[in-house]
Amino acid sequence: MATRAFVLDGSKVRERRERLGLNQPELARLCGITQPTLAHIEGGRRNGSPRLNRIIAEQLGVSLDAITVTAEPEPVQ
């Protein structure tokens, strides 16, 4: 049985960051990543590790569910 993958929704991350009045460098520093990495996450070009995703959610003050989409794995043939 395959497990579900949680993929960050970059637009939700950006929306919440802006609502908190944080810029990318500030949130990146709080999360221990670089600003270009955060830009790639917000742009949907990169997904964080499960640990990083939890850190981002924590720094944004939301649950992981609030900033992710559930991706069902493709069946193995």
Protein backbone atom coordinates (compact mmCIF):
# COMPACT_ATOMS: atom_id res chain seq x y z
CA MET A 1 0.00 0.00 0.00
CA ALA A 2 1.41 3.38 -1.01
CA THR A 3 1.37 6.36 1.31
CA ARG A 4 0.01 9.75 0.38
CA ALA A 5 2.48 12.51 -0.31
CA PHE A 6 2.00 16.02 1.01
CA VAL A 7 3.13 18.65 -1.46
CA LEU A 8 3.47 22.29 -0.48
CA ASP A 9 1.10 24.65 -2.25
CA GLY A 10 3.45 27.55 -2.98
CA SER A 11 0.66 30.06 -3.45
CA LYS A 12 -0.72 29.24 0.01
CA VAL A 13 2.74 29.64 1.53
CA ARG A 14 3.20 33.01 -0.18
CA GLU A 15 -0.30 34.19 0.76
CA ARG A 16 0.18 33.33 4.43
CA ARG A 17 3.70 34.84 4.48
CA GLU A 18 2.41 38.10 3.03
CA ARG A 19 -0.56 38.13 5.42
CA LEU A 20 1.94 37.96 8.29
CA GLY A 21 3.93 40.86 6.83
CA LEU A 22 7.04 38.77 6.22
CA ASN A 23 9.22 39.04 3.15
CA GLN A 24 10.94 36.02 1.60
CA PRO A 25 14.35 36.59 3.24
CA GLU A 26 12.72 36.86 6.67
CA LEU A 27 10.72 33.64 6.36
CA ALA A 28 13.66 31.82 4.79
CA ARG A 29 15.89 32.81 7.73
CA LEU A 30 13.25 31.64 10.23
CA CYS A 31 13.06 28.29 8.42
CA GLY A 32 16.81 27.85 8.06
CA ILE A 33 16.80 27.90 4.27
CA THR A 34 17.94 30.33 1.61
CA GLN A 35 15.68 32.92 -0.01
CA PRO A 36 16.11 31.32 -3.46
CA THR A 37 14.95 27.98 -2.01
CA LEU A 38 11.85 29.65 -0.59
CA ALA A 39 11.24 31.37 -3.93
CA HIS A 40 11.33 27.97 -5.66
CA ILE A 41 8.89 26.54 -3.11
CA GLU A 42 6.49 29.46 -3.51
CA GLY A 43 6.79 29.22 -7.28
CA GLY A 44 5.89 25.52 -7.24
CA ARG A 45 9.27 24.51 -8.65
CA ARG A 46 10.36 22.68 -5.51
CA ASN A 47 8.82 20.82 -2.61
CA GLY A 48 10.37 20.72 0.80
CA SER A 49 11.23 17.62 2.77
CA PRO A 50 8.61 16.48 5.28
CA ARG A 51 10.68 18.11 8.04
CA LEU A 52 11.05 21.41 6.16
CA ASN A 53 7.34 21.45 5.33
CA ARG A 54 6.54 21.15 9.05
CA ILE A 55 9.00 23.96 9.88
CA ILE A 56 7.44 26.26 7.28
CA ALA A 57 3.95 25.54 8.61
CA GLU A 58 5.12 26.19 12.17
CA GLN A 59 6.76 29.51 11.25
CA LEU A 60 3.60 30.56 9.41
CA GLY A 61 1.46 29.59 12.40
CA VAL A 62 -0.72 27.15 10.47
CA SER A 63 -1.26 23.41 10.26
CA LEU A 64 0.54 21.46 7.59
CA ASP A 65 -2.85 20.79 5.97
CA ALA A 66 -3.33 24.54 5.48
CA ILE A 67 -0.36 24.85 3.12
CA THR A 68 -0.26 21.47 1.38
CA VAL A 69 -2.21 19.50 -1.15
CA THR A 70 -2.50 15.75 -0.94
CA ALA A 71 -1.04 13.97 -3.91
CA GLU A 72 -2.16 10.40 -4.38
CA PRO A 73 0.70 8.24 -5.64
CA GLU A 74 0.34 6.69 -9.04
CA PRO A 75 -0.37 2.96 -8.97
CA VAL A 76 2.56 0.70 -9.63
CA GLN A 77 2.04 -1.45 -12.70
